[in-house]
Amino acid sequence: MASFIHYIYDFATKKWLDKFFNAKSKSDIAEIPDRFRDFPTVEKEYCIGCGSCTASCPSPNAIKLVRDSATEDHHGLVYPVINTASCIRCGFCAEVCPSEPKTLYCGENHFIHEDFNIIPSKRKYIIDDYLCIKCGKCQDNCEVGAIDRIDNRMHVNQSKCISCGKCLDVCPVKGAMKGVFIANMEEQKEIISLAVNRLEEYIESHQEPLEEIHDDKLFLAELKFQPLFDEALTILNDDEIVYEVLEKAINRLNIKVVMWNHDNCQNCQLCVEECPTGAIKFDNQIIRDKDKCLRCSICYQTCPFSAINYYSAKFNLDEKDDGEKVIHITVKESQLAKRRA
């Protein structure tokens, strides 16, 4: 009976009532460590719209870039929005954010080492010093300070570069700033080789009309692009890389084409002896190994019977009014042919 009375007394004390009504859970009592990563906070006025945060996020739909409505005086701000239902609070977005001050903060930011970059990018931006005119536009427009002028040469600091491509957009000299694909190099080489072989085969299939061009006349033709594109995709199944590799290769190609007119050939075999790579052999008639041939024109210059024709071909990838991609082909006699004539 006495213990019961004591219990009632203790229950009624102010101290007990204070503990009861002001009780805290363990999670409330624990101090949150500095390294804890909460859902990212966004300072949208600092955002440069580079997309590094969305590229680095491993959780689908956790972060996206949006743009505010534009006004007459200002473009709408671009900034990231966090979907807390999908965010896993890894902090990658805050780590890779290159803006200064940072747009994203997610607890303590553990910045990645300079030698590494977790932003997935297909491209690496480099400067062709031979073509660069040192105008500095790329440096002025780089929002992360990744381009420097060193010994009067423009240089891309790969540890800072976020592969946004703005330097490529503002460069006034075609080819001076290059956005090269850094992966699948062997496949890229194979695609270029495929383009060269298919275009050369197409030209060689028109030997008769080519033999008729003289005195600055041109052979003009049009080839559908889609079959070549589809064949290239069997080498590398990436539309973006395949299209750009083919486009650059086609627009820059200048193919030298060597053709034999066997009716004129007298089998003197001078070309066999003069070929520097052993690409020409004689087996009842002249046979040329295209894989060994350098298209150097020595055989053409050596032949005394005009049995060898030597042409120069250029190409341009274009789009017709109906949207179909075509390759325009222009072939002319080599300048060597004019000099010999």
C-alpha atoms as a PDB file:
ATOM      1  CA  MET A   1       0.000   0.000   0.000  1.00  0.00           C
ATOM      2  CA  ALA A   2       2.831   2.360   0.845  1.00  0.00           C
ATOM      3  CA  SER A   3       4.588   1.667  -2.485  1.00  0.00           C
ATOM      4  CA  PHE A   4       1.395   2.438  -4.380  1.00  0.00           C
ATOM      5  CA  ILE A   5       1.003   5.759  -2.586  1.00  0.00           C
ATOM      6  CA  HIS A   6       4.638   6.577  -3.350  1.00  0.00           C
ATOM      7  CA  TYR A   7       4.059   5.817  -7.057  1.00  0.00           C
ATOM      8  CA  ILE A   8       1.070   8.162  -7.204  1.00  0.00           C
ATOM      9  CA  TYR A   9       3.098  10.854  -5.506  1.00  0.00           C
ATOM     10  CA  ASP A  10       5.989  10.467  -7.947  1.00  0.00           C
ATOM     11  CA  PHE A  11       3.600  10.545 -10.903  1.00  0.00           C
ATOM     12  CA  ALA A  12       2.152  13.841  -9.753  1.00  0.00           C
ATOM     13  CA  THR A  13       5.444  15.659  -9.328  1.00  0.00           C
ATOM     14  CA  LYS A  14       6.308  18.554 -11.633  1.00  0.00           C
ATOM     15  CA  LYS A  15       9.607  16.938 -12.593  1.00  0.00           C
ATOM     16  CA  TRP A  16       7.902  13.834 -13.965  1.00  0.00           C
ATOM     17  CA  LEU A  17       5.253  15.837 -15.771  1.00  0.00           C
ATOM     18  CA  ASP A  18       7.989  17.978 -17.375  1.00  0.00           C
ATOM     19  CA  LYS A  19       9.808  14.886 -18.637  1.00  0.00           C
ATOM     20  CA  PHE A  20       6.563  13.411 -19.947  1.00  0.00           C
ATOM     21  CA  PHE A  21       5.405  16.427 -21.931  1.00  0.00           C
ATOM     22  CA  ASN A  22       8.895  17.388 -23.190  1.00  0.00           C
ATOM     23  CA  ALA A  23      10.182  13.938 -24.088  1.00  0.00           C
ATOM     24  CA  LYS A  24      12.471  13.678 -27.141  1.00  0.00           C
ATOM     25  CA  SER A  25      13.169  10.747 -29.387  1.00  0.00           C
ATOM     26  CA  LYS A  26      16.720   9.548 -29.896  1.00  0.00           C
ATOM     27  CA  SER A  27      16.749  10.945 -33.435  1.00  0.00           C
ATOM     28  CA  ASP A  28      15.950  14.394 -32.064  1.00  0.00           C
ATOM     29  CA  ILE A  29      18.668  14.150 -29.454  1.00  0.00           C
ATOM     30  CA  ALA A  30      21.397  12.985 -31.898  1.00  0.00           C
ATOM     31  CA  GLU A  31      23.453  15.706 -33.530  1.00  0.00           C
ATOM     32  CA  ILE A  32      23.557  15.543 -37.333  1.00  0.00           C
ATOM     33  CA  PRO A  33      27.201  15.135 -38.423  1.00  0.00           C
ATOM     34  CA  ASP A  34      28.708  17.628 -40.887  1.00  0.00           C
ATOM     35  CA  ARG A  35      29.232  14.883 -43.462  1.00  0.00           C
ATOM     36  CA  PHE A  36      25.506  14.016 -43.529  1.00  0.00           C
ATOM     37  CA  ARG A  37      24.030  14.579 -46.951  1.00  0.00           C
ATOM     38  CA  ASP A  38      20.512  15.843 -47.011  1.00  0.00           C
ATOM     39  CA  PHE A  39      18.379  16.502 -50.068  1.00  0.00           C
ATOM     40  CA  PRO A  40      20.246  19.051 -52.204  1.00  0.00           C
ATOM     41  CA  THR A  41      19.388  22.705 -51.811  1.00  0.00           C
ATOM     42  CA  VAL A  42      19.390  24.855 -54.933  1.00  0.00           C
ATOM     43  CA  GLU A  43      20.654  28.423 -55.327  1.00  0.00           C
ATOM     44  CA  LYS A  44      19.183  28.878 -58.781  1.00  0.00           C
ATOM     45  CA  GLU A  45      20.676  32.326 -59.490  1.00  0.00           C
ATOM     46  CA  TYR A  46      24.152  30.748 -59.606  1.00  0.00           C
ATOM     47  CA  CYS A  47      23.274  28.070 -62.184  1.00  0.00           C
ATOM     48  CA  ILE A  48      25.084  28.241 -65.542  1.00  0.00           C
ATOM     49  CA  GLY A  49      22.882  25.565 -67.145  1.00  0.00           C
ATOM     50  CA  CYS A  50      25.737  23.187 -67.936  1.00  0.00           C
ATOM     51  CA  GLY A  51      23.817  19.987 -67.111  1.00  0.00           C
ATOM     52  CA  SER A  52      26.637  18.420 -65.070  1.00  0.00           C
ATOM     53  CA  CYS A  53      24.255  17.644 -62.215  1.00  0.00           C
ATOM     54  CA  THR A  54      21.782  15.750 -64.391  1.00  0.00           C
ATOM     55  CA  ALA A  55      24.581  13.873 -66.144  1.00  0.00           C
ATOM     56  CA  SER A  56      26.134  12.698 -62.875  1.00  0.00           C
ATOM     57  CA  CYS A  57      22.902  11.667 -61.118  1.00  0.00           C
ATOM     58  CA  PRO A  58      22.612   7.861 -60.784  1.00  0.00           C
ATOM     59  CA  SER A  59      18.917   7.943 -59.831  1.00  0.00           C
ATOM     60  CA  PRO A  60      16.394   8.247 -62.692  1.00  0.00           C
ATOM     61  CA  ASN A  61      14.153  11.340 -62.513  1.00  0.00           C
ATOM     62  CA  ALA A  62      15.814  12.657 -59.336  1.00  0.00           C
ATOM     63  CA  ILE A  63      17.020  15.908 -60.899  1.00  0.00           C
ATOM     64  CA  LYS A  64      16.112  17.879 -64.004  1.00  0.00           C
ATOM     65  CA  LEU A  65      16.881  21.294 -65.458  1.00  0.00           C
ATOM     66  CA  VAL A  66      14.006  23.741 -65.899  1.00  0.00           C
ATOM     67  CA  ARG A  67      13.801  27.268 -67.271  1.00  0.00           C
ATOM     68  CA  ASP A  68      11.751  30.115 -65.845  1.00  0.00           C
ATOM     69  CA  SER A  69       9.591  32.129 -68.191  1.00  0.00           C
ATOM     70  CA  ALA A  70      11.519  34.818 -70.038  1.00  0.00           C
ATOM     71  CA  THR A  71      10.674  38.513 -69.847  1.00  0.00           C
ATOM     72  CA  GLU A  72      11.381  41.357 -72.240  1.00  0.00           C
ATOM     73  CA  ASP A  73      14.475  42.272 -70.224  1.00  0.00           C
ATOM     74  CA  HIS A  74      15.855  38.878 -69.195  1.00  0.00           C
ATOM     75  CA  HIS A  75      16.051  35.309 -70.359  1.00  0.00           C
ATOM     76  CA  GLY A  76      14.418  32.883 -67.976  1.00  0.00           C
ATOM     77  CA  LEU A  77      16.784  31.386 -65.416  1.00  0.00           C
ATOM     78  CA  VAL A  78      17.884  27.804 -65.971  1.00  0.00           C
ATOM     79  CA  TYR A  79      18.334  25.777 -62.786  1.00  0.00           C
ATOM     80  CA  PRO A  80      17.975  22.247 -61.372  1.00  0.00           C
ATOM     81  CA  VAL A  81      14.901  20.970 -59.551  1.00  0.00           C
ATOM     82  CA  ILE A  82      15.167  18.056 -57.101  1.00  0.00           C
ATOM     83  CA  ASN A  83      12.543  15.306 -56.934  1.00  0.00           C
ATOM     84  CA  THR A  84      12.864  14.107 -53.332  1.00  0.00           C
ATOM     85  CA  ALA A  85      10.870  10.971 -54.124  1.00  0.00           C
ATOM     86  CA  SER A  86      13.703   9.771 -56.360  1.00  0.00           C
ATOM     87  CA  CYS A  87      16.759  11.476 -54.814  1.00  0.00           C
ATOM     88  CA  ILE A  88      19.083   9.070 -52.969  1.00  0.00           C
ATOM     89  CA  ARG A  89      21.106  11.906 -51.369  1.00  0.00           C
ATOM     90  CA  CYS A  90      24.405  10.705 -52.830  1.00  0.00           C
ATOM     91  CA  GLY A  91      25.619  14.271 -53.356  1.00  0.00           C
ATOM     92  CA  PHE A  92      27.119  13.647 -56.785  1.00  0.00           C
ATOM     93  CA  CYS A  93      25.247  16.641 -58.194  1.00  0.00           C
ATOM     94  CA  ALA A  94      26.799  18.959 -55.596  1.00  0.00           C
ATOM     95  CA  GLU A  95      30.257  17.458 -56.118  1.00  0.00           C
ATOM     96  CA  VAL A  96      30.343  18.059 -59.850  1.00  0.00           C
ATOM     97  CA  CYS A  97      28.578  21.436 -59.879  1.00  0.00           C
ATOM     98  CA  PRO A  98      31.216  23.788 -61.384  1.00  0.00           C
ATOM     99  CA  SER A  99      29.528  27.131 -60.709  1.00  0.00           C
ATOM    100  CA  GLU A 100      31.180  29.552 -58.303  1.00  0.00           C
ATOM    101  CA  PRO A 101      29.452  30.008 -55.872  1.00  0.00           C
ATOM    102  CA  LYS A 102      27.910  26.564 -56.122  1.00  0.00           C
ATOM    103  CA  THR A 103      24.341  26.121 -57.286  1.00  0.00           C
ATOM    104  CA  LEU A 104      23.871  22.892 -55.337  1.00  0.00           C
ATOM    105  CA  TYR A 105      24.705  22.067 -51.740  1.00  0.00           C
ATOM    106  CA  CYS A 106      24.124  18.683 -50.135  1.00  0.00           C
ATOM    107  CA  GLY A 107      25.628  18.539 -46.668  1.00  0.00           C
ATOM    108  CA  GLU A 108      29.418  18.417 -46.704  1.00  0.00           C
ATOM    109  CA  ASN A 109      30.686  18.367 -50.284  1.00  0.00           C
ATOM    110  CA  HIS A 110      33.537  15.920 -50.785  1.00  0.00           C
ATOM    111  CA  PHE A 111      35.054  17.342 -53.938  1.00  0.00           C
ATOM    112  CA  ILE A 112      36.527  14.879 -56.380  1.00  0.00           C
ATOM    113  CA  HIS A 113      40.245  14.780 -57.096  1.00  0.00           C
ATOM    114  CA  GLU A 114      41.435  16.853 -60.071  1.00  0.00           C
ATOM    115  CA  ASP A 115      42.669  13.786 -61.916  1.00  0.00           C
ATOM    116  CA  PHE A 116      39.189  12.265 -62.019  1.00  0.00           C
ATOM    117  CA  ASN A 117      35.867  13.368 -63.405  1.00  0.00           C
ATOM    118  CA  ILE A 118      32.646  11.529 -62.660  1.00  0.00           C
ATOM    119  CA  ILE A 119      30.651  13.556 -65.175  1.00  0.00           C
ATOM    120  CA  PRO A 120      29.912  11.074 -67.949  1.00  0.00           C
ATOM    121  CA  SER A 121      30.808  12.621 -71.282  1.00  0.00           C
ATOM    122  CA  LYS A 122      31.400  11.166 -74.723  1.00  0.00           C
ATOM    123  CA  ARG A 123      33.567  14.087 -75.768  1.00  0.00           C
ATOM    124  CA  LYS A 124      36.879  15.614 -74.944  1.00  0.00           C
ATOM    125  CA  TYR A 125      37.455  19.165 -76.142  1.00  0.00           C
ATOM    126  CA  ILE A 126      40.874  19.942 -77.561  1.00  0.00           C
ATOM    127  CA  ILE A 127      42.350  22.834 -79.543  1.00  0.00           C
ATOM    128  CA  ASP A 128      44.093  22.409 -82.886  1.00  0.00           C
ATOM    129  CA  ASP A 129      46.973  24.847 -82.499  1.00  0.00           C
ATOM    130  CA  TYR A 130      47.590  24.850 -86.260  1.00  0.00           C
ATOM    131  CA  LEU A 131      44.103  26.263 -86.947  1.00  0.00           C
ATOM    132  CA  CYS A 132      43.610  28.317 -83.775  1.00  0.00           C
ATOM    133  CA  ILE A 133      43.900  32.095 -84.324  1.00  0.00           C
ATOM    134  CA  LYS A 134      44.194  32.840 -80.568  1.00  0.00           C
ATOM    135  CA  CYS A 135      41.171  35.140 -80.584  1.00  0.00           C
ATOM    136  CA  GLY A 136      40.307  34.120 -77.019  1.00  0.00           C
ATOM    137  CA  LYS A 137      36.564  33.742 -77.588  1.00  0.00           C
ATOM    138  CA  CYS A 138      36.600  30.228 -76.173  1.00  0.00           C
ATOM    139  CA  GLN A 139      38.350  31.481 -73.027  1.00  0.00           C
ATOM    140  CA  ASP A 140      35.976  34.424 -72.616  1.00  0.00           C
ATOM    141  CA  ASN A 141      32.885  32.228 -72.939  1.00  0.00           C
ATOM    142  CA  CYS A 142      34.035  29.321 -70.749  1.00  0.00           C
ATOM    143  CA  GLU A 143      31.979  29.632 -67.564  1.00  0.00           C
ATOM    144  CA  VAL A 144      34.182  27.335 -65.505  1.00  0.00           C
ATOM    145  CA  GLY A 145      37.592  28.785 -66.392  1.00  0.00           C
ATOM    146  CA  ALA A 146      38.789  25.627 -68.122  1.00  0.00           C
ATOM    147  CA  ILE A 147      40.598  27.396 -70.995  1.00  0.00           C
ATOM    148  CA  ASP A 148      43.906  29.171 -70.464  1.00  0.00           C
ATOM    149  CA  ARG A 149      46.428  30.973 -72.639  1.00  0.00           C
ATOM    150  CA  ILE A 150      49.834  29.380 -72.047  1.00  0.00           C
ATOM    151  CA  ASP A 151      52.884  30.590 -73.995  1.00  0.00           C
ATOM    152  CA  ASN A 152      50.490  32.292 -76.440  1.00  0.00           C
ATOM    153  CA  ARG A 153      48.650  29.029 -77.055  1.00  0.00           C
ATOM    154  CA  MET A 154      45.110  28.249 -76.022  1.00  0.00           C
ATOM    155  CA  HIS A 155      44.876  25.191 -73.791  1.00  0.00           C
ATOM    156  CA  VAL A 156      41.898  23.244 -72.364  1.00  0.00           C
ATOM    157  CA  ASN A 157      42.356  22.169 -68.747  1.00  0.00           C
ATOM    158  CA  GLN A 158      40.692  18.746 -68.820  1.00  0.00           C
ATOM    159  CA  SER A 159      40.376  18.615 -65.017  1.00  0.00           C
ATOM    160  CA  LYS A 160      38.062  21.653 -65.130  1.00  0.00           C
ATOM    161  CA  CYS A 161      36.283  21.090 -68.448  1.00  0.00           C
ATOM    162  CA  ILE A 162      32.629  20.017 -68.082  1.00  0.00           C
ATOM    163  CA  SER A 163      32.137  19.269 -71.804  1.00  0.00           C
ATOM    164  CA  CYS A 164      29.320  21.795 -72.216  1.00  0.00           C
ATOM    165  CA  GLY A 165      30.438  22.612 -75.789  1.00  0.00           C
ATOM    166  CA  LYS A 166      30.102  26.395 -75.550  1.00  0.00           C
ATOM    167  CA  CYS A 167      33.712  26.832 -76.681  1.00  0.00           C
ATOM    168  CA  LEU A 168      32.909  24.928 -79.861  1.00  0.00           C
ATOM    169  CA  ASP A 169      29.849  27.110 -80.494  1.00  0.00           C
ATOM    170  CA  VAL A 170      31.767  30.403 -80.295  1.00  0.00           C
ATOM    171  CA  CYS A 171      34.953  29.345 -82.108  1.00  0.00           C
ATOM    172  CA  PRO A 172      35.071  31.316 -85.412  1.00  0.00           C
ATOM    173  CA  VAL A 173      37.456  28.891 -87.167  1.00  0.00           C
ATOM    174  CA  LYS A 174      36.011  25.572 -88.279  1.00  0.00           C
ATOM    175  CA  GLY A 175      38.066  22.737 -86.838  1.00  0.00           C
ATOM    176  CA  ALA A 176      40.153  24.838 -84.440  1.00  0.00           C
ATOM    177  CA  MET A 177      38.166  23.610 -81.435  1.00  0.00           C
ATOM    178  CA  LYS A 178      37.415  19.917 -81.661  1.00  0.00           C
ATOM    179  CA  GLY A 179      34.922  17.901 -79.640  1.00  0.00           C
ATOM    180  CA  VAL A 180      36.348  14.444 -80.157  1.00  0.00           C
ATOM    181  CA  PHE A 181      34.746  11.237 -78.962  1.00  0.00           C
ATOM    182  CA  ILE A 182      37.092   9.670 -76.427  1.00  0.00           C
ATOM    183  CA  ALA A 183      35.716   6.132 -76.468  1.00  0.00           C
ATOM    184  CA  ASN A 184      35.305   3.492 -79.196  1.00  0.00           C
ATOM    185  CA  MET A 185      38.382   4.702 -81.063  1.00  0.00           C
ATOM    186  CA  GLU A 186      38.842   1.452 -82.984  1.00  0.00           C
ATOM    187  CA  GLU A 187      35.193   1.480 -84.052  1.00  0.00           C
ATOM    188  CA  GLN A 188      35.541   5.095 -85.199  1.00  0.00           C
ATOM    189  CA  LYS A 189      38.543   4.160 -87.340  1.00  0.00           C
ATOM    190  CA  GLU A 190      36.561   1.266 -88.811  1.00  0.00           C
ATOM    191  CA  ILE A 191      33.642   3.570 -89.659  1.00  0.00           C
ATOM    192  CA  ILE A 192      35.948   6.037 -91.442  1.00  0.00           C
ATOM    193  CA  SER A 193      37.543   3.166 -93.366  1.00  0.00           C
ATOM    194  CA  LEU A 194      34.077   1.932 -94.325  1.00  0.00           C
ATOM    195  CA  ALA A 195      33.119   5.379 -95.667  1.00  0.00           C
ATOM    196  CA  VAL A 196      36.324   5.634 -97.717  1.00  0.00           C
ATOM    197  CA  ASN A 197      35.893   2.150 -99.187  1.00  0.00           C
ATOM    198  CA  ARG A 198      32.223   2.600-100.096  1.00  0.00           C
ATOM    199  CA  LEU A 199      32.792   5.987-101.721  1.00  0.00           C
ATOM    200  CA  GLU A 200      35.791   4.733-103.671  1.00  0.00           C
ATOM    201  CA  GLU A 201      33.824   1.687-104.833  1.00  0.00           C
ATOM    202  CA  TYR A 202      31.025   3.959-106.030  1.00  0.00           C
ATOM    203  CA  ILE A 203      33.435   6.118-108.044  1.00  0.00           C
ATOM    204  CA  GLU A 204      35.182   3.109-109.547  1.00  0.00           C
ATOM    205  CA  SER A 205      31.814   1.746-110.670  1.00  0.00           C
ATOM    206  CA  HIS A 206      31.546   4.778-113.007  1.00  0.00           C
ATOM    207  CA  GLN A 207      34.777   4.284-114.928  1.00  0.00           C
ATOM    208  CA  GLU A 208      33.361   4.952-118.385  1.00  0.00           C
ATOM    209  CA  PRO A 209      31.892   8.423-117.692  1.00  0.00           C
ATOM    210  CA  LEU A 210      35.004   9.325-115.710  1.00  0.00           C
ATOM    211  CA  GLU A 211      37.256   8.623-118.685  1.00  0.00           C
ATOM    212  CA  GLU A 212      35.292  11.236-120.619  1.00  0.00           C
ATOM    213  CA  ILE A 213      36.062  14.156-118.295  1.00  0.00           C
ATOM    214  CA  HIS A 214      38.821  16.458-119.537  1.00  0.00           C
ATOM    215  CA  ASP A 215      39.671  20.156-119.618  1.00  0.00           C
ATOM    216  CA  ASP A 216      38.291  21.127-116.200  1.00  0.00           C
ATOM    217  CA  LYS A 217      35.085  19.161-116.670  1.00  0.00           C
ATOM    218  CA  LEU A 218      33.616  17.532-113.590  1.00  0.00           C
ATOM    219  CA  PHE A 219      31.859  14.287-112.854  1.00  0.00           C
ATOM    220  CA  LEU A 220      28.970  15.012-110.460  1.00  0.00           C
ATOM    221  CA  ALA A 221      26.962  12.345-108.665  1.00  0.00           C
ATOM    222  CA  GLU A 222      24.612  11.929-105.728  1.00  0.00           C
ATOM    223  CA  LEU A 223      24.667   8.969-103.339  1.00  0.00           C
ATOM    224  CA  LYS A 224      22.075   8.163-100.656  1.00  0.00           C
ATOM    225  CA  PHE A 225      23.499   8.449 -97.152  1.00  0.00           C
ATOM    226  CA  GLN A 226      21.121   6.141 -95.264  1.00  0.00           C
ATOM    227  CA  PRO A 227      22.556   2.785 -96.476  1.00  0.00           C
ATOM    228  CA  LEU A 228      26.061   3.864 -95.421  1.00  0.00           C
ATOM    229  CA  PHE A 229      24.724   5.074 -92.057  1.00  0.00           C
ATOM    230  CA  ASP A 230      22.881   1.797 -91.453  1.00  0.00           C
ATOM    231  CA  GLU A 231      25.994  -0.229 -92.277  1.00  0.00           C
ATOM    232  CA  ALA A 232      28.101   1.914 -89.924  1.00  0.00           C
ATOM    233  CA  LEU A 233      25.618   1.265 -87.106  1.00  0.00           C
ATOM    234  CA  THR A 234      26.479  -2.422 -87.300  1.00  0.00           C
ATOM    235  CA  ILE A 235      30.013  -1.414 -86.236  1.00  0.00           C
ATOM    236  CA  LEU A 236      28.966   0.917 -83.415  1.00  0.00           C
ATOM    237  CA  ASN A 237      25.350   1.144 -82.279  1.00  0.00           C
ATOM    238  CA  ASP A 238      25.339   4.814 -81.314  1.00  0.00           C
ATOM    239  CA  ASP A 239      23.500   7.158 -83.673  1.00  0.00           C
ATOM    240  CA  GLU A 240      25.176  10.331 -82.387  1.00  0.00           C
ATOM    241  CA  ILE A 241      28.757   9.116 -82.672  1.00  0.00           C
ATOM    242  CA  VAL A 242      28.231   7.303 -85.984  1.00  0.00           C
ATOM    243  CA  TYR A 243      26.531  10.266 -87.646  1.00  0.00           C
ATOM    244  CA  GLU A 244      29.136  12.790 -86.528  1.00  0.00           C
ATOM    245  CA  VAL A 245      32.096  10.575 -87.451  1.00  0.00           C
ATOM    246  CA  LEU A 246      30.615   9.976 -90.908  1.00  0.00           C
ATOM    247  CA  GLU A 247      29.705  13.638 -91.395  1.00  0.00           C
ATOM    248  CA  LYS A 248      33.208  14.865 -90.548  1.00  0.00           C
ATOM    249  CA  ALA A 249      34.878  12.154 -92.602  1.00  0.00           C
ATOM    250  CA  ILE A 250      32.718  12.732 -95.678  1.00  0.00           C
ATOM    251  CA  ASN A 251      33.032  16.515 -95.641  1.00  0.00           C
ATOM    252  CA  ARG A 252      36.826  16.389 -95.235  1.00  0.00           C
ATOM    253  CA  LEU A 253      37.661  13.509 -97.543  1.00  0.00           C
ATOM    254  CA  ASN A 254      39.721  14.125-100.641  1.00  0.00           C
ATOM    255  CA  ILE A 255      40.129  10.697-102.194  1.00  0.00           C
ATOM    256  CA  LYS A 256      42.660  10.004-104.913  1.00  0.00           C
ATOM    257  CA  VAL A 257      41.306   7.346-107.279  1.00  0.00           C
ATOM    258  CA  VAL A 258      43.519   5.209-109.517  1.00  0.00           C
ATOM    259  CA  MET A 259      41.903   3.334-112.426  1.00  0.00           C
ATOM    260  CA  TRP A 260      43.293   1.030-115.119  1.00  0.00           C
ATOM    261  CA  ASN A 261      42.143   0.978-118.710  1.00  0.00           C
ATOM    262  CA  HIS A 262      43.265  -2.556-119.576  1.00  0.00           C
ATOM    263  CA  ASP A 263      42.544  -1.993-123.277  1.00  0.00           C
ATOM    264  CA  ASN A 264      45.395   0.541-123.366  1.00  0.00           C
ATOM    265  CA  CYS A 265      47.753  -1.464-121.169  1.00  0.00           C
ATOM    266  CA  GLN A 266      50.672  -3.036-123.087  1.00  0.00           C
ATOM    267  CA  ASN A 267      51.875  -5.092-120.106  1.00  0.00           C
ATOM    268  CA  CYS A 268      55.240  -3.338-120.045  1.00  0.00           C
ATOM    269  CA  GLN A 269      55.277  -3.768-116.261  1.00  0.00           C
ATOM    270  CA  LEU A 270      57.075  -0.509-115.603  1.00  0.00           C
ATOM    271  CA  CYS A 271      54.447   0.275-112.986  1.00  0.00           C
ATOM    272  CA  VAL A 272      55.226  -3.022-111.205  1.00  0.00           C
ATOM    273  CA  GLU A 273      58.876  -2.087-110.860  1.00  0.00           C
ATOM    274  CA  GLU A 274      58.207   1.487-109.720  1.00  0.00           C
ATOM    275  CA  CYS A 275      55.470   0.838-107.137  1.00  0.00           C
ATOM    276  CA  PRO A 276      56.979   1.651-103.707  1.00  0.00           C
ATOM    277  CA  THR A 277      54.677  -0.685-101.741  1.00  0.00           C
ATOM    278  CA  GLY A 278      54.467  -3.703-104.029  1.00  0.00           C
ATOM    279  CA  ALA A 279      50.769  -3.057-104.587  1.00  0.00           C
ATOM    280  CA  ILE A 280      51.028  -3.832-108.338  1.00  0.00           C
ATOM    281  CA  LYS A 281      51.678  -7.328-109.666  1.00  0.00           C
ATOM    282  CA  PHE A 282      51.555  -8.967-113.060  1.00  0.00           C
ATOM    283  CA  ASP A 283      49.633 -12.203-113.616  1.00  0.00           C
ATOM    284  CA  ASN A 284      48.743 -12.259-117.349  1.00  0.00           C
ATOM    285  CA  GLN A 285      47.557  -8.705-116.692  1.00  0.00           C
ATOM    286  CA  ILE A 286      48.236  -5.903-114.242  1.00  0.00           C
ATOM    287  CA  ILE A 287      46.625  -6.466-110.822  1.00  0.00           C
ATOM    288  CA  ARG A 288      46.542  -3.762-108.148  1.00  0.00           C
ATOM    289  CA  ASP A 289      46.071  -4.495-104.439  1.00  0.00           C
ATOM    290  CA  LYS A 290      43.950  -1.554-103.231  1.00  0.00           C
ATOM    291  CA  ASP A 291      44.787  -2.249 -99.587  1.00  0.00           C
ATOM    292  CA  LYS A 292      48.510  -1.712-100.269  1.00  0.00           C
ATOM    293  CA  CYS A 293      48.097   1.150-102.748  1.00  0.00           C
ATOM    294  CA  LEU A 294      49.093   4.617-101.474  1.00  0.00           C
ATOM    295  CA  ARG A 295      47.398   6.463-104.371  1.00  0.00           C
ATOM    296  CA  CYS A 296      50.770   8.181-104.793  1.00  0.00           C
ATOM    297  CA  SER A 297      50.440   8.450-108.623  1.00  0.00           C
ATOM    298  CA  ILE A 298      53.902   7.007-109.367  1.00  0.00           C
ATOM    299  CA  CYS A 299      52.320   4.306-111.540  1.00  0.00           C
ATOM    300  CA  TYR A 300      50.314   6.970-113.383  1.00  0.00           C
ATOM    301  CA  GLN A 301      53.393   9.072-114.038  1.00  0.00           C
ATOM    302  CA  THR A 302      55.406   6.010-115.111  1.00  0.00           C
ATOM    303  CA  CYS A 303      52.914   4.530-117.591  1.00  0.00           C
ATOM    304  CA  PRO A 304      53.886   5.470-121.204  1.00  0.00           C
ATOM    305  CA  PHE A 305      50.605   4.260-122.723  1.00  0.00           C
ATOM    306  CA  SER A 306      48.017   6.294-120.770  1.00  0.00           C
ATOM    307  CA  ALA A 307      46.550   3.093-119.386  1.00  0.00           C
ATOM    308  CA  ILE A 308      46.221   4.582-115.898  1.00  0.00           C
ATOM    309  CA  ASN A 309      43.795   7.332-114.954  1.00  0.00           C
ATOM    310  CA  TYR A 310      44.194   9.426-111.813  1.00  0.00           C
ATOM    311  CA  TYR A 311      41.300  11.387-110.282  1.00  0.00           C
ATOM    312  CA  SER A 312      40.598  13.553-107.244  1.00  0.00           C
ATOM    313  CA  ALA A 313      37.216  13.257-105.533  1.00  0.00           C
ATOM    314  CA  LYS A 314      35.572  15.455-102.905  1.00  0.00           C
ATOM    315  CA  PHE A 315      32.318  14.960-101.015  1.00  0.00           C
ATOM    316  CA  ASN A 316      29.677  16.913 -99.160  1.00  0.00           C
ATOM    317  CA  LEU A 317      26.922  15.567 -96.920  1.00  0.00           C
ATOM    318  CA  ASP A 318      23.755  17.552 -97.523  1.00  0.00           C
ATOM    319  CA  GLU A 319      20.031  17.424 -96.815  1.00  0.00           C
ATOM    320  CA  LYS A 320      17.400  17.658 -99.543  1.00  0.00           C
ATOM    321  CA  ASP A 321      14.156  19.565 -99.220  1.00  0.00           C
ATOM    322  CA  ASP A 322      12.312  16.399 -98.233  1.00  0.00           C
ATOM    323  CA  GLY A 323      14.771  15.759 -95.387  1.00  0.00           C
ATOM    324  CA  GLU A 324      16.675  12.927 -97.089  1.00  0.00           C
ATOM    325  CA  LYS A 325      20.439  12.954 -96.476  1.00  0.00           C
ATOM    326  CA  VAL A 326      22.592  12.612 -99.601  1.00  0.00           C
ATOM    327  CA  ILE A 327      26.304  12.656-100.384  1.00  0.00           C
ATOM    328  CA  HIS A 328      27.232  14.991-103.237  1.00  0.00           C
ATOM    329  CA  ILE A 329      30.277  13.705-105.132  1.00  0.00           C
ATOM    330  CA  THR A 330      32.556  15.829-107.287  1.00  0.00           C
ATOM    331  CA  VAL A 331      35.314  14.135-109.296  1.00  0.00           C
ATOM    332  CA  LYS A 332      37.876  15.778-111.534  1.00  0.00           C
ATOM    333  CA  GLU A 333      41.093  14.803-113.236  1.00  0.00           C
ATOM    334  CA  SER A 334      44.081  15.160-110.967  1.00  0.00           C
ATOM    335  CA  GLN A 335      46.267  18.254-111.409  1.00  0.00           C
ATOM    336  CA  LEU A 336      49.012  15.809-112.349  1.00  0.00           C
ATOM    337  CA  ALA A 337      46.968  14.792-115.374  1.00  0.00           C
ATOM    338  CA  LYS A 338      46.811  18.400-116.532  1.00  0.00           C
ATOM    339  CA  ARG A 339      50.538  18.881-116.151  1.00  0.00           C
ATOM    340  CA  ARG A 340      51.323  15.708-118.057  1.00  0.00           C
ATOM    341  CA  ALA A 341      48.950  16.619-120.865  1.00  0.00           C
END
